[in-house]
C-alpha atoms as a PDB file:
ATOM      1  CA  UNK A   1     -51.718  -7.970 -29.156  1.00  0.00           C
ATOM      2  CA  UNK A   2     -51.829  -4.638 -27.058  1.00  0.00           C
ATOM      3  CA  UNK A   3     -52.316  -7.117 -23.706  1.00  0.00           C
ATOM      4  CA  UNK A   4     -49.429  -8.932 -24.863  1.00  0.00           C
ATOM      5  CA  UNK A   5     -47.424  -5.829 -25.992  1.00  0.00           C
ATOM      6  CA  UNK A   6     -47.823  -4.314 -22.345  1.00  0.00           C
ATOM      7  CA  UNK A   7     -46.884  -8.008 -20.949  1.00  0.00           C
ATOM      8  CA  UNK A   8     -44.077  -7.601 -22.651  1.00  0.00           C
ATOM      9  CA  UNK A   9     -42.668  -3.809 -21.197  1.00  0.00           C
ATOM     10  CA  UNK A  10     -43.625  -4.804 -17.714  1.00  0.00           C
ATOM     11  CA  UNK A  11     -41.416  -8.064 -18.570  1.00  0.00           C
ATOM     12  CA  UNK A  12     -38.258  -5.839 -19.475  1.00  0.00           C
ATOM     13  CA  UNK A  13     -37.814  -3.082 -16.583  1.00  0.00           C
ATOM     14  CA  UNK A  14     -35.782  -3.837 -14.228  1.00  0.00           C
ATOM     15  CA  UNK A  15     -34.579  -6.715 -15.553  1.00  0.00           C
ATOM     16  CA  UNK A  16     -36.651 -10.103 -16.333  1.00  0.00           C
ATOM     17  CA  UNK A  17     -35.654 -12.292 -13.172  1.00  0.00           C
ATOM     18  CA  UNK A  18     -38.581  -9.891 -11.126  1.00  0.00           C
ATOM     19  CA  UNK A  19     -41.697 -11.445  -9.246  1.00  0.00           C
ATOM     20  CA  UNK A  20     -40.404 -14.801 -10.788  1.00  0.00           C
ATOM     21  CA  UNK A  21     -39.935 -14.118 -14.105  1.00  0.00           C
ATOM     22  CA  UNK A  22     -37.209 -16.033 -15.547  1.00  0.00           C
ATOM     23  CA  UNK A  23     -33.557 -14.579 -16.155  1.00  0.00           C
ATOM     24  CA  UNK A  24     -33.716 -14.318 -19.210  1.00  0.00           C
ATOM     25  CA  UNK A  25     -36.371 -13.751 -21.964  1.00  0.00           C
ATOM     26  CA  UNK A  26     -37.905 -16.528 -23.627  1.00  0.00           C
ATOM     27  CA  UNK A  27     -37.354 -17.092 -27.548  1.00  0.00           C
ATOM     28  CA  UNK A  28     -41.534 -14.673 -27.766  1.00  0.00           C
ATOM     29  CA  UNK A  29     -40.126 -11.964 -25.893  1.00  0.00           C
ATOM     30  CA  UNK A  30     -36.618 -11.688 -28.311  1.00  0.00           C
ATOM     31  CA  UNK A  31     -38.730 -12.222 -31.286  1.00  0.00           C
ATOM     32  CA  UNK A  32     -41.162  -9.794 -30.487  1.00  0.00           C
ATOM     33  CA  UNK A  33     -38.420  -6.983 -29.753  1.00  0.00           C
ATOM     34  CA  UNK A  34     -36.863  -8.186 -32.781  1.00  0.00           C
ATOM     35  CA  UNK A  35     -39.735  -8.119 -35.528  1.00  0.00           C
ATOM     36  CA  UNK A  36     -37.595  -6.447 -38.319  1.00  0.00           C
ATOM     37  CA  UNK A  37     -36.403  -9.930 -38.568  1.00  0.00           C
ATOM     38  CA  UNK A  38     -37.755 -12.493 -40.970  1.00  0.00           C
ATOM     39  CA  UNK A  39     -34.615 -15.246 -41.240  1.00  0.00           C
ATOM     40  CA  UNK A  40     -33.882 -17.865 -39.242  1.00  0.00           C
ATOM     41  CA  UNK A  41     -33.914 -17.847 -35.482  1.00  0.00           C
ATOM     42  CA  UNK A  42     -31.870 -20.146 -33.080  1.00  0.00           C
ATOM     43  CA  UNK A  43     -34.088 -21.587 -30.144  1.00  0.00           C
ATOM     44  CA  UNK A  44     -33.985 -19.126 -27.656  1.00  0.00           C
ATOM     45  CA  UNK A  45     -35.244 -16.814 -30.291  1.00  0.00           C
ATOM     46  CA  UNK A  46     -32.184 -14.873 -31.196  1.00  0.00           C
ATOM     47  CA  UNK A  47     -31.932 -13.905 -34.869  1.00  0.00           C
ATOM     48  CA  UNK A  48     -29.435 -16.497 -36.597  1.00  0.00           C
ATOM     49  CA  UNK A  49     -27.586 -14.368 -38.879  1.00  0.00           C
ATOM     50  CA  UNK A  50     -25.537 -15.365 -41.894  1.00  0.00           C
ATOM     51  CA  UNK A  51     -21.776 -16.845 -41.009  1.00  0.00           C
ATOM     52  CA  UNK A  52     -21.110 -15.637 -44.849  1.00  0.00           C
ATOM     53  CA  UNK A  53     -21.593 -12.364 -43.787  1.00  0.00           C
ATOM     54  CA  UNK A  54     -20.113 -11.839 -40.617  1.00  0.00           C
ATOM     55  CA  UNK A  55     -17.065 -13.462 -42.146  1.00  0.00           C
ATOM     56  CA  UNK A  56     -17.065 -10.418 -44.988  1.00  0.00           C
ATOM     57  CA  UNK A  57     -18.291  -7.911 -41.341  1.00  0.00           C
ATOM     58  CA  UNK A  58     -14.349  -8.537 -40.457  1.00  0.00           C
ATOM     59  CA  UNK A  59     -13.824  -6.149 -43.525  1.00  0.00           C
ATOM     60  CA  UNK A  60     -15.963  -3.300 -43.089  1.00  0.00           C
ATOM     61  CA  UNK A  61     -14.923   0.183 -41.611  1.00  0.00           C
ATOM     62  CA  UNK A  62     -16.487   1.569 -38.570  1.00  0.00           C
ATOM     63  CA  UNK A  63     -17.186   4.234 -40.330  1.00  0.00           C
ATOM     64  CA  UNK A  64     -18.746   2.922 -43.042  1.00  0.00           C
ATOM     65  CA  UNK A  65     -20.979   0.762 -41.238  1.00  0.00           C
ATOM     66  CA  UNK A  66     -22.192   3.901 -38.790  1.00  0.00           C
ATOM     67  CA  UNK A  67     -22.873   6.238 -42.002  1.00  0.00           C
ATOM     68  CA  UNK A  68     -25.258   3.233 -43.391  1.00  0.00           C
ATOM     69  CA  UNK A  69     -26.792   3.100 -40.068  1.00  0.00           C
ATOM     70  CA  UNK A  70     -27.180   6.929 -39.270  1.00  0.00           C
ATOM     71  CA  UNK A  71     -29.020   6.783 -42.649  1.00  0.00           C
ATOM     72  CA  UNK A  72     -31.528   4.261 -41.484  1.00  0.00           C
ATOM     73  CA  UNK A  73     -32.408   5.841 -38.896  1.00  0.00           C
ATOM     74  CA  UNK A  74     -30.343   3.928 -35.947  1.00  0.00           C
ATOM     75  CA  UNK A  75     -27.903   6.844 -33.977  1.00  0.00           C
ATOM     76  CA  UNK A  76     -26.710   5.256 -30.969  1.00  0.00           C
ATOM     77  CA  UNK A  77     -24.887   2.041 -32.047  1.00  0.00           C
ATOM     78  CA  UNK A  78     -21.695   2.792 -31.774  1.00  0.00           C
ATOM     79  CA  UNK A  79     -19.444   3.257 -28.011  1.00  0.00           C
ATOM     80  CA  UNK A  80     -15.548   4.137 -28.214  1.00  0.00           C
ATOM     81  CA  UNK A  81     -12.867   4.401 -26.012  1.00  0.00           C
ATOM     82  CA  UNK A  82     -11.745   0.725 -25.315  1.00  0.00           C
ATOM     83  CA  UNK A  83      -8.672  -1.283 -23.761  1.00  0.00           C
ATOM     84  CA  UNK A  84      -9.036  -4.245 -26.653  1.00  0.00           C
ATOM     85  CA  UNK A  85      -6.469  -6.838 -25.971  1.00  0.00           C
ATOM     86  CA  UNK A  86      -5.370  -7.510 -29.791  1.00  0.00           C
ATOM     87  CA  UNK A  87      -6.512  -4.236 -31.297  1.00  0.00           C
ATOM     88  CA  UNK A  88      -5.131  -5.328 -35.194  1.00  0.00           C
ATOM     89  CA  UNK A  89      -7.608  -8.489 -34.882  1.00  0.00           C
ATOM     90  CA  UNK A  90     -11.378  -7.276 -35.810  1.00  0.00           C
ATOM     91  CA  UNK A  91     -13.820  -9.335 -34.007  1.00  0.00           C
ATOM     92  CA  UNK A  92     -17.786 -10.108 -35.325  1.00  0.00           C
ATOM     93  CA  UNK A  93     -20.475 -12.166 -33.936  1.00  0.00           C
ATOM     94  CA  UNK A  94     -24.045 -12.189 -32.555  1.00  0.00           C
ATOM     95  CA  UNK A  95     -24.820 -10.391 -29.313  1.00  0.00           C
ATOM     96  CA  UNK A  96     -25.976 -12.652 -26.323  1.00  0.00           C
ATOM     97  CA  UNK A  97     -26.105  -9.582 -23.914  1.00  0.00           C
ATOM     98  CA  UNK A  98     -25.994  -9.626 -20.002  1.00  0.00           C
ATOM     99  CA  UNK A  99     -27.054  -6.637 -17.466  1.00  0.00           C
ATOM    100  CA  UNK A 100     -25.322  -6.440 -14.065  1.00  0.00           C
ATOM    101  CA  UNK A 101     -26.011  -3.928 -11.264  1.00  0.00           C
ATOM    102  CA  UNK A 102     -24.911  -3.077  -8.038  1.00  0.00           C
ATOM    103  CA  UNK A 103     -25.577  -5.313  -5.289  1.00  0.00           C
ATOM    104  CA  UNK A 104     -29.421  -5.184  -3.806  1.00  0.00           C
ATOM    105  CA  UNK A 105     -29.603  -8.939  -1.645  1.00  0.00           C
ATOM    106  CA  UNK A 106     -33.436  -8.984  -2.067  1.00  0.00           C
ATOM    107  CA  UNK A 107     -33.380  -8.763  -5.916  1.00  0.00           C
ATOM    108  CA  UNK A 108     -29.428 -10.782  -5.793  1.00  0.00           C
ATOM    109  CA  UNK A 109     -31.580 -13.736  -4.222  1.00  0.00           C
ATOM    110  CA  UNK A 110     -34.435 -13.517  -6.425  1.00  0.00           C
ATOM    111  CA  UNK A 111     -32.126 -14.248  -9.553  1.00  0.00           C
ATOM    112  CA  UNK A 112     -30.481 -17.130  -7.668  1.00  0.00           C
ATOM    113  CA  UNK A 113     -32.988 -19.046  -6.776  1.00  0.00           C
ATOM    114  CA  UNK A 114     -35.195 -17.863 -10.112  1.00  0.00           C
ATOM    115  CA  UNK A 115     -31.652 -19.487 -11.467  1.00  0.00           C
ATOM    116  CA  UNK A 116     -31.866 -22.828  -9.328  1.00  0.00           C
ATOM    117  CA  UNK A 117     -35.525 -23.762 -10.642  1.00  0.00           C
ATOM    118  CA  UNK A 118     -33.926 -22.965 -14.641  1.00  0.00           C
ATOM    119  CA  UNK A 119     -30.832 -25.246 -13.717  1.00  0.00           C
ATOM    120  CA  UNK A 120     -28.587 -22.660 -13.740  1.00  0.00           C
ATOM    121  CA  UNK A 121     -24.992 -23.439 -12.018  1.00  0.00           C
ATOM    122  CA  UNK A 122     -22.103 -21.672 -10.345  1.00  0.00           C
ATOM    123  CA  UNK A 123     -21.773 -17.978  -9.664  1.00  0.00           C
ATOM    124  CA  UNK A 124     -23.773 -15.671 -11.128  1.00  0.00           C
ATOM    125  CA  UNK A 125     -21.317 -14.080 -13.445  1.00  0.00           C
ATOM    126  CA  UNK A 126     -20.788 -17.584 -15.336  1.00  0.00           C
ATOM    127  CA  UNK A 127     -24.644 -18.173 -16.257  1.00  0.00           C
ATOM    128  CA  UNK A 128     -24.229 -16.098 -19.619  1.00  0.00           C
ATOM    129  CA  UNK A 129     -21.275 -18.057 -20.305  1.00  0.00           C
ATOM    130  CA  UNK A 130     -23.788 -21.226 -20.732  1.00  0.00           C
ATOM    131  CA  UNK A 131     -26.111 -19.528 -23.157  1.00  0.00           C
ATOM    132  CA  UNK A 132     -22.579 -18.874 -25.390  1.00  0.00           C
ATOM    133  CA  UNK A 133     -23.118 -20.759 -29.215  1.00  0.00           C
ATOM    134  CA  UNK A 134     -20.212 -20.816 -31.506  1.00  0.00           C
ATOM    135  CA  UNK A 135     -19.901 -17.407 -33.131  1.00  0.00           C
ATOM    136  CA  UNK A 136     -21.550 -15.315 -30.313  1.00  0.00           C
ATOM    137  CA  UNK A 137     -19.999 -12.548 -28.741  1.00  0.00           C
ATOM    138  CA  UNK A 138     -20.360 -12.016 -24.974  1.00  0.00           C
ATOM    139  CA  UNK A 139     -21.859  -8.717 -24.914  1.00  0.00           C
ATOM    140  CA  UNK A 140     -22.339  -7.148 -20.490  1.00  0.00           C
ATOM    141  CA  UNK A 141     -23.123  -3.792 -19.046  1.00  0.00           C
ATOM    142  CA  UNK A 142     -21.048  -3.203 -15.820  1.00  0.00           C
ATOM    143  CA  UNK A 143     -22.113  -0.299 -15.767  1.00  0.00           C
ATOM    144  CA  UNK A 144     -18.442   1.051 -15.331  1.00  0.00           C
ATOM    145  CA  UNK A 145     -17.375  -0.500 -12.288  1.00  0.00           C
ATOM    146  CA  UNK A 146     -14.013  -1.301 -12.569  1.00  0.00           C
ATOM    147  CA  UNK A 147     -11.983  -2.429  -8.794  1.00  0.00           C
ATOM    148  CA  UNK A 148     -13.679  -5.444  -7.373  1.00  0.00           C
ATOM    149  CA  UNK A 149     -15.750  -5.305 -10.776  1.00  0.00           C
ATOM    150  CA  UNK A 150     -14.082  -8.112 -12.591  1.00  0.00           C
ATOM    151  CA  UNK A 151     -16.338  -9.967 -14.733  1.00  0.00           C
ATOM    152  CA  UNK A 152     -13.664 -12.672 -15.848  1.00  0.00           C
ATOM    153  CA  UNK A 153     -10.390 -13.948 -15.238  1.00  0.00           C
ATOM    154  CA  UNK A 154      -8.428 -16.253 -17.579  1.00  0.00           C
ATOM    155  CA  UNK A 155     -10.219 -19.345 -16.153  1.00  0.00           C
ATOM    156  CA  UNK A 156     -14.390 -18.215 -16.513  1.00  0.00           C
ATOM    157  CA  UNK A 157     -12.206 -16.824 -20.157  1.00  0.00           C
ATOM    158  CA  UNK A 158     -11.191 -20.169 -21.697  1.00  0.00           C
ATOM    159  CA  UNK A 159     -14.749 -21.344 -20.968  1.00  0.00           C
ATOM    160  CA  UNK A 160     -16.636 -18.556 -23.078  1.00  0.00           C
ATOM    161  CA  UNK A 161     -13.469 -19.137 -26.190  1.00  0.00           C
ATOM    162  CA  UNK A 162     -14.879 -22.726 -25.526  1.00  0.00           C
ATOM    163  CA  UNK A 163     -18.229 -22.280 -25.717  1.00  0.00           C
ATOM    164  CA  UNK A 164     -17.850 -19.485 -28.802  1.00  0.00           C
ATOM    165  CA  UNK A 165     -14.536 -19.359 -30.295  1.00  0.00           C
ATOM    166  CA  UNK A 166     -15.278 -15.816 -29.578  1.00  0.00           C
ATOM    167  CA  UNK A 167     -14.412 -12.937 -26.752  1.00  0.00           C
ATOM    168  CA  UNK A 168     -15.643 -10.203 -24.455  1.00  0.00           C
ATOM    169  CA  UNK A 169     -17.325  -6.860 -24.476  1.00  0.00           C
ATOM    170  CA  UNK A 170     -17.665  -5.379 -20.540  1.00  0.00           C
ATOM    171  CA  UNK A 171     -18.147  -2.044 -20.272  1.00  0.00           C
ATOM    172  CA  UNK A 172     -16.305  -2.955 -17.346  1.00  0.00           C
ATOM    173  CA  UNK A 173     -13.274  -4.504 -16.224  1.00  0.00           C
ATOM    174  CA  UNK A 174     -11.555  -8.279 -15.968  1.00  0.00           C
ATOM    175  CA  UNK A 175      -9.341  -9.526 -14.233  1.00  0.00           C
ATOM    176  CA  UNK A 176      -5.991 -12.084 -15.086  1.00  0.00           C
ATOM    177  CA  UNK A 177      -5.457  -9.484 -18.251  1.00  0.00           C
ATOM    178  CA  UNK A 178      -1.671 -12.031 -18.641  1.00  0.00           C
ATOM    179  CA  UNK A 179      -3.660 -15.009 -18.544  1.00  0.00           C
ATOM    180  CA  UNK A 180      -6.998 -14.013 -20.842  1.00  0.00           C
ATOM    181  CA  UNK A 181      -4.042 -13.104 -23.479  1.00  0.00           C
ATOM    182  CA  UNK A 182      -2.490 -16.179 -23.725  1.00  0.00           C
ATOM    183  CA  UNK A 183      -6.312 -17.956 -25.074  1.00  0.00           C
ATOM    184  CA  UNK A 184      -5.206 -17.972 -29.176  1.00  0.00           C
ATOM    185  CA  UNK A 185      -8.083 -16.535 -30.911  1.00  0.00           C
ATOM    186  CA  UNK A 186      -9.922 -14.957 -27.669  1.00  0.00           C
ATOM    187  CA  UNK A 187     -10.436 -10.840 -27.496  1.00  0.00           C
ATOM    188  CA  UNK A 188     -11.517  -8.135 -25.028  1.00  0.00           C
ATOM    189  CA  UNK A 189     -13.268  -5.034 -25.257  1.00  0.00           C
ATOM    190  CA  UNK A 190     -13.160  -3.576 -21.835  1.00  0.00           C
ATOM    191  CA  UNK A 191     -12.899  -0.040 -19.828  1.00  0.00           C
ATOM    192  CA  UNK A 192     -10.742  -1.844 -17.427  1.00  0.00           C
ATOM    193  CA  UNK A 193      -8.594  -4.094 -15.818  1.00  0.00           C
ATOM    194  CA  UNK A 194      -8.386  -4.714 -12.140  1.00  0.00           C
ATOM    195  CA  UNK A 195      -6.243  -7.496  -9.902  1.00  0.00           C
ATOM    196  CA  UNK A 196      -9.181  -7.622  -7.763  1.00  0.00           C
ATOM    197  CA  UNK A 197     -12.542 -10.173  -7.917  1.00  0.00           C
ATOM    198  CA  UNK A 198     -15.836  -9.579  -7.988  1.00  0.00           C
ATOM    199  CA  UNK A 199     -17.560  -7.903  -5.358  1.00  0.00           C
ATOM    200  CA  UNK A 200     -21.157  -5.788  -4.934  1.00  0.00           C
ATOM    201  CA  UNK A 201     -22.488  -6.781  -7.863  1.00  0.00           C
ATOM    202  CA  UNK A 202     -25.476  -8.668  -9.470  1.00  0.00           C
ATOM    203  CA  UNK A 203     -26.523 -10.189 -12.398  1.00  0.00           C
ATOM    204  CA  UNK A 204     -29.793  -8.556 -13.624  1.00  0.00           C
ATOM    205  CA  UNK A 205     -30.491 -10.432 -16.710  1.00  0.00           C
ATOM    206  CA  UNK A 206     -29.506 -12.206 -19.869  1.00  0.00           C
ATOM    207  CA  UNK A 207     -30.715 -11.589 -23.406  1.00  0.00           C
ATOM    208  CA  UNK A 208     -32.136  -8.457 -22.303  1.00  0.00           C
ATOM    209  CA  UNK A 209     -31.616  -5.080 -24.017  1.00  0.00           C
ATOM    210  CA  UNK A 210     -28.808  -3.355 -22.635  1.00  0.00           C
ATOM    211  CA  UNK A 211     -26.882   0.311 -22.795  1.00  0.00           C
ATOM    212  CA  UNK A 212     -23.424  -0.002 -23.692  1.00  0.00           C
ATOM    213  CA  UNK A 213     -22.305   3.747 -22.966  1.00  0.00           C
ATOM    214  CA  UNK A 214     -23.387   5.336 -26.425  1.00  0.00           C
ATOM    215  CA  UNK A 215     -25.199   2.266 -27.435  1.00  0.00           C
ATOM    216  CA  UNK A 216     -28.262   0.238 -27.159  1.00  0.00           C
ATOM    217  CA  UNK A 217     -27.687  -3.426 -28.207  1.00  0.00           C
ATOM    218  CA  UNK A 218     -30.626  -5.543 -28.295  1.00  0.00           C
ATOM    219  CA  UNK A 219     -29.720  -9.665 -28.101  1.00  0.00           C
ATOM    220  CA  UNK A 220     -28.373 -11.196 -31.798  1.00  0.00           C
ATOM    221  CA  UNK A 221     -27.244  -7.708 -32.820  1.00  0.00           C
ATOM    222  CA  UNK A 222     -24.170  -8.198 -34.913  1.00  0.00           C
ATOM    223  CA  UNK A 223     -21.147  -6.652 -33.205  1.00  0.00           C
ATOM    224  CA  UNK A 224     -18.577  -5.177 -35.145  1.00  0.00           C
ATOM    225  CA  UNK A 225     -15.245  -4.614 -32.577  1.00  0.00           C
ATOM    226  CA  UNK A 226     -11.841  -2.687 -33.846  1.00  0.00           C
ATOM    227  CA  UNK A 227      -9.365  -0.576 -32.521  1.00  0.00           C
ATOM    228  CA  UNK A 228     -11.710   2.141 -32.544  1.00  0.00           C
ATOM    229  CA  UNK A 229     -14.290   1.028 -31.188  1.00  0.00           C
ATOM    230  CA  UNK A 230     -17.412  -1.375 -31.173  1.00  0.00           C
ATOM    231  CA  UNK A 231     -21.003  -1.140 -33.146  1.00  0.00           C
ATOM    232  CA  UNK A 232     -24.177  -3.016 -33.045  1.00  0.00           C
ATOM    233  CA  UNK A 233     -25.548  -3.723 -36.009  1.00  0.00           C
ATOM    234  CA  UNK A 234     -29.879  -4.641 -36.189  1.00  0.00           C
ATOM    235  CA  UNK A 235     -29.780  -8.185 -37.719  1.00  0.00           C
ATOM    236  CA  UNK A 236     -32.334  -6.770 -40.578  1.00  0.00           C
ATOM    237  CA  UNK A 237     -29.910  -4.275 -41.310  1.00  0.00           C
ATOM    238  CA  UNK A 238     -26.673  -6.366 -41.936  1.00  0.00           C
ATOM    239  CA  UNK A 239     -26.464  -7.282 -45.250  1.00  0.00           C
ATOM    240  CA  UNK A 240     -27.668  -3.728 -46.233  1.00  0.00           C
ATOM    241  CA  UNK A 241     -24.330  -2.685 -43.987  1.00  0.00           C
ATOM    242  CA  UNK A 242     -22.357  -5.165 -45.821  1.00  0.00           C
ATOM    243  CA  UNK A 243     -23.273  -5.031 -48.819  1.00  0.00           C
ATOM    244  CA  UNK A 244     -23.719  -1.269 -49.115  1.00  0.00           C
ATOM    245  CA  UNK A 245     -19.797  -1.331 -47.555  1.00  0.00           C
ATOM    246  CA  UNK A 246     -18.446  -3.677 -49.534  1.00  0.00           C
ATOM    247  CA  UNK A 247     -19.602  -1.406 -52.856  1.00  0.00           C
ATOM    248  CA  UNK A 248     -18.298   1.937 -51.436  1.00  0.00           C
ATOM    249  CA  UNK A 249     -14.704   0.483 -50.993  1.00  0.00           C
ATOM    250  CA  UNK A 250     -15.090  -0.551 -54.223  1.00  0.00           C
ATOM    251  CA  UNK A 251     -16.052   2.187 -55.821  1.00  0.00           C
ATOM    252  CA  UNK A 252     -13.399   4.178 -53.580  1.00  0.00           C
ATOM    253  CA  UNK A 253     -10.527   1.654 -54.932  1.00  0.00           C
ATOM    254  CA  UNK A 254     -11.915   2.718 -58.410  1.00  0.00           C
ATOM    255  CA  UNK A 255     -11.901   6.582 -58.042  1.00  0.00           C
ATOM    256  CA  UNK A 256      -8.397   5.990 -56.478  1.00  0.00           C
ATOM    257  CA  UNK A 257      -6.770   4.121 -59.412  1.00  0.00           C
ATOM    258  CA  UNK A 258      -8.509   6.785 -61.776  1.00  0.00           C
ATOM    259  CA  UNK A 259      -7.349   9.596 -59.898  1.00  0.00           C
ATOM    260  CA  UNK A 260      -3.225   8.153 -59.560  1.00  0.00           C
ATOM    261  CA  UNK A 261      -3.918   7.444 -63.408  1.00  0.00           C
ATOM    262  CA  UNK A 262      -5.154  11.247 -64.250  1.00  0.00           C
ATOM    263  CA  UNK A 263      -7.977   9.730 -65.849  1.00  0.00           C
ATOM    264  CA  UNK A 264     -11.053  11.839 -63.862  1.00  0.00           C
ATOM    265  CA  UNK A 265     -10.545  14.758 -61.665  1.00  0.00           C
ATOM    266  CA  UNK A 266     -11.248  14.922 -58.154  1.00  0.00           C
ATOM    267  CA  UNK A 267     -14.571  17.296 -58.503  1.00  0.00           C
ATOM    268  CA  UNK A 268     -15.655  14.373 -60.912  1.00  0.00           C
ATOM    269  CA  UNK A 269     -14.920  11.451 -59.644  1.00  0.00           C
ATOM    270  CA  UNK A 270     -16.903  13.340 -55.705  1.00  0.00           C
ATOM    271  CA  UNK A 271     -19.595  14.139 -57.568  1.00  0.00           C
ATOM    272  CA  UNK A 272     -22.338  12.184 -59.357  1.00  0.00           C
ATOM    273  CA  UNK A 273     -20.965  10.006 -61.635  1.00  0.00           C
ATOM    274  CA  UNK A 274     -21.269  10.494 -65.417  1.00  0.00           C
ATOM    275  CA  UNK A 275     -22.615   7.467 -67.367  1.00  0.00           C
ATOM    276  CA  UNK A 276     -18.965   7.378 -69.098  1.00  0.00           C
ATOM    277  CA  UNK A 277     -17.684   6.969 -65.735  1.00  0.00           C
ATOM    278  CA  UNK A 278     -19.893   4.523 -65.413  1.00  0.00           C
ATOM    279  CA  UNK A 279     -19.529   2.516 -67.501  1.00  0.00           C
ATOM    280  CA  UNK A 280     -15.833   2.896 -66.917  1.00  0.00           C
ATOM    281  CA  UNK A 281     -16.239   1.225 -63.525  1.00  0.00           C
ATOM    282  CA  UNK A 282     -18.068  -1.298 -65.026  1.00  0.00           C
ATOM    283  CA  UNK A 283     -15.502  -2.532 -67.080  1.00  0.00           C
ATOM    284  CA  UNK A 284     -12.993  -2.034 -64.420  1.00  0.00           C
ATOM    285  CA  UNK A 285     -15.168  -4.678 -62.285  1.00  0.00           C
ATOM    286  CA  UNK A 286     -15.345  -6.692 -64.765  1.00  0.00           C
ATOM    287  CA  UNK A 287     -11.263  -6.718 -65.358  1.00  0.00           C
ATOM    288  CA  UNK A 288     -11.199  -6.812 -61.893  1.00  0.00           C
ATOM    289  CA  UNK A 289     -13.626  -9.871 -60.849  1.00  0.00           C
ATOM    290  CA  UNK A 290     -10.773 -11.106 -57.859  1.00  0.00           C
ATOM    291  CA  UNK A 291     -11.634  -7.225 -56.094  1.00  0.00           C
ATOM    292  CA  UNK A 292     -14.697  -8.214 -55.396  1.00  0.00           C
ATOM    293  CA  UNK A 293     -15.840  -9.711 -51.797  1.00  0.00           C
ATOM    294  CA  UNK A 294     -20.148 -10.066 -52.886  1.00  0.00           C
ATOM    295  CA  UNK A 295     -21.169 -12.944 -55.582  1.00  0.00           C
ATOM    296  CA  UNK A 296     -21.516 -10.738 -59.278  1.00  0.00           C
ATOM    297  CA  UNK A 297     -25.330 -11.649 -58.720  1.00  0.00           C
ATOM    298  CA  UNK A 298     -25.295  -9.979 -55.220  1.00  0.00           C
ATOM    299  CA  UNK A 299     -23.388  -6.939 -56.585  1.00  0.00           C
ATOM    300  CA  UNK A 300     -25.603  -6.670 -60.194  1.00  0.00           C
ATOM    301  CA  UNK A 301     -28.459  -6.490 -58.100  1.00  0.00           C
ATOM    302  CA  UNK A 302     -27.228  -3.611 -55.375  1.00  0.00           C
ATOM    303  CA  UNK A 303     -26.077  -1.799 -58.617  1.00  0.00           C
ATOM    304  CA  UNK A 304     -29.664  -2.027 -60.266  1.00  0.00           C
ATOM    305  CA  UNK A 305     -31.910  -0.436 -57.583  1.00  0.00           C
ATOM    306  CA  UNK A 306     -28.547   2.617 -56.295  1.00  0.00           C
ATOM    307  CA  UNK A 307     -29.047   5.880 -57.621  1.00  0.00           C
ATOM    308  CA  UNK A 308     -24.643   5.943 -57.794  1.00  0.00           C
END
């Protein structure tokens, strides 16, 4: 076991392409990175989180998701201050990560040679696109480079959307902003735009852990991207984030309604609820089933284990 851990750490240091290693982590290495996830996985090893939860995640606020993750000990999952193509359209998906670095010819040659052995074609900045599946988000650390740091233009943007039906998150830049904006359904969170093309950069790895500003992102993390920023959710916490946030939203709807009606005081709603308020809340849920985003079974199970 110790030998396996040491080998994994060695492969992660400096990118997986070193010394003839694959450009991307193997399925076993990704499984070793995400041991808390006990559900199904994709062939590449990434957690296959349920589509139903991803769709519901779109309605969760960044603050709610952030607070729940902080309570679970995950303090470094948020990054803000983005240029967003369509701010009014949230994006969710499973992370396919890529790491870019300033060009170092010898290392770049090793990566390109290994890529050929693995059957990869085209420029290296197109390789992560070939990994994408439906519902994935291509998220890359390109170290904030704007001028000559544009990872994609509208040609690659069309390919990304064809593979994933989703968009991109780049800690760097893109070109062809106008052309990208014409791709129906595509969205982008980037640090900048520039008309230049990519120069003096190299792909270091695919599906390795990466840093996105303040956040650490692992392959298979579930990304919630909104106008205010992005949050990377560990897969094993996705269900907890979604259901907890949905429950909080239901509590808030009920509380706001009762405050407007004058039935309770702010002090009663903001404090630990009395048995009377709890019973009233249950009756309110029964009378408003259309407001419940999860199944009633999920809600009842959640409330059973909650202290309110």
